[in-house]
Amino acid sequence: MKLLKAKTARFSEVVEKCGEPDVYTLWQKPAADRHFQGQLKNNRLMTVQQSPSGTDFGIIGFKDRKGARYLVFQKSLKHFADRRVIGIDWALITE
């Protein structure tokens, strides 16, 4: 029997494995921001957005959405690719 990979991951687990993230503010178009592109290429970027119910969740990588916030982690998030990150704790994020 093949084990299925979990479709979600807890934010605290991501922080434990990849370090405390920093909030990243886009001041220009993503394609023109070299630092942003470097973080994206190294799989260190998470897009945080709100669900219709009002709770925050994260998606690994860049998703251009209205009201989205971006977090940059110290280590690669490749292990969490294709998983929805739940339980966002803003107290664990450095400003």
Protein backbone atom coordinates (compact mmCIF):
# COMPACT_ATOMS: atom_id res chain seq x y z
CA MET A 1 0.00 0.00 0.00
CA LYS A 2 1.39 3.36 -1.03
CA LEU A 3 1.36 6.18 1.52
CA LEU A 4 -0.19 9.42 0.35
CA LYS A 5 1.65 12.66 0.98
CA ALA A 6 -0.27 15.10 3.19
CA LYS A 7 -1.95 17.91 1.28
CA THR A 8 -1.36 20.39 4.11
CA ALA A 9 1.49 21.39 6.39
CA ARG A 10 1.43 23.36 9.64
CA PHE A 11 3.17 26.74 9.56
CA SER A 12 5.05 25.89 12.77
CA GLU A 13 6.53 22.81 11.02
CA VAL A 14 7.68 24.96 8.08
CA VAL A 15 9.32 27.49 10.46
CA GLU A 16 10.99 24.66 12.39
CA LYS A 17 12.56 23.18 9.23
CA CYS A 18 13.19 26.34 7.18
CA GLY A 19 13.79 29.08 9.78
CA GLU A 20 11.88 32.22 10.71
CA PRO A 21 10.65 34.09 7.64
CA ASP A 22 10.84 37.77 6.81
CA VAL A 23 7.97 39.69 5.23
CA TYR A 24 8.90 40.79 1.69
CA THR A 25 7.28 43.86 0.18
CA LEU A 26 7.15 44.18 -3.59
CA TRP A 27 7.91 47.78 -4.55
CA GLN A 28 8.11 47.00 -8.27
CA LYS A 29 6.88 44.34 -10.68
CA PRO A 30 8.11 40.87 -9.61
CA ALA A 31 9.92 40.29 -12.92
CA ALA A 32 11.98 43.46 -12.41
CA ASP A 33 12.95 42.69 -8.80
CA ARG A 34 16.21 40.72 -8.94
CA HIS A 35 16.29 39.88 -5.22
CA PHE A 36 12.70 38.60 -5.35
CA GLN A 37 13.49 36.47 -8.42
CA GLY A 38 16.53 35.01 -6.64
CA GLN A 39 14.43 34.00 -3.63
CA LEU A 40 11.80 32.49 -5.94
CA LYS A 41 14.44 30.52 -7.87
CA ASN A 42 15.88 29.15 -4.60
CA ASN A 43 12.40 28.01 -3.42
CA ARG A 44 12.44 30.32 -0.39
CA LEU A 45 9.20 32.21 -1.11
CA MET A 46 5.71 31.66 0.27
CA THR A 47 2.56 33.54 -0.76
CA VAL A 48 0.13 34.10 2.11
CA GLN A 49 -3.48 34.90 1.29
CA GLN A 50 -6.86 34.81 3.00
CA SER A 51 -9.47 32.16 2.35
CA PRO A 52 -13.11 33.19 1.89
CA SER A 53 -13.70 32.27 5.56
CA GLY A 54 -11.06 34.83 6.60
CA THR A 55 -8.26 32.51 7.72
CA ASP A 56 -4.74 32.91 6.34
CA PHE A 57 -3.01 30.10 4.44
CA GLY A 58 0.24 29.81 2.52
CA ILE A 59 1.19 28.52 -0.91
CA ILE A 60 4.81 27.74 -1.72
CA GLY A 61 6.08 29.99 -4.49
CA PHE A 62 4.71 33.17 -6.04
CA LYS A 63 1.00 33.66 -6.70
CA ASP A 64 0.03 37.13 -7.89
CA ARG A 65 -3.13 37.76 -5.89
CA LYS A 66 -4.76 40.93 -4.60
CA GLY A 67 -4.00 41.36 -0.90
CA ALA A 68 -1.38 38.61 -0.84
CA ARG A 69 1.66 38.89 1.40
CA TYR A 70 5.02 37.29 0.70
CA LEU A 71 7.35 35.58 3.14
CA VAL A 72 11.01 34.76 2.50
CA PHE A 73 12.52 31.87 4.45
CA GLN A 74 16.14 31.17 5.38
CA LYS A 75 16.12 27.71 3.78
CA SER A 76 14.44 26.12 0.75
CA LEU A 77 10.74 25.27 0.95
CA LYS A 78 11.06 22.54 -1.69
CA HIS A 79 10.05 19.87 0.85
CA PHE A 80 6.65 21.60 1.23
CA ALA A 81 5.93 22.16 -2.48
CA ASP A 82 2.39 21.33 -3.60
CA ARG A 83 1.12 21.58 -0.01
CA ARG A 84 -1.17 24.20 1.50
CA VAL A 85 0.36 25.72 4.63
CA ILE A 86 -2.17 26.22 7.41
CA GLY A 87 -2.05 27.72 10.90
CA ILE A 88 -0.16 30.89 9.97
CA ASP A 89 1.19 32.36 13.24
CA TRP A 90 2.17 35.98 12.62
CA ALA A 91 4.05 36.02 15.94
CA LEU A 92 6.68 33.72 14.36
CA ILE A 93 7.41 36.19 11.56
CA THR A 94 10.12 38.83 11.85
CA GLU A 95 9.21 42.28 10.58
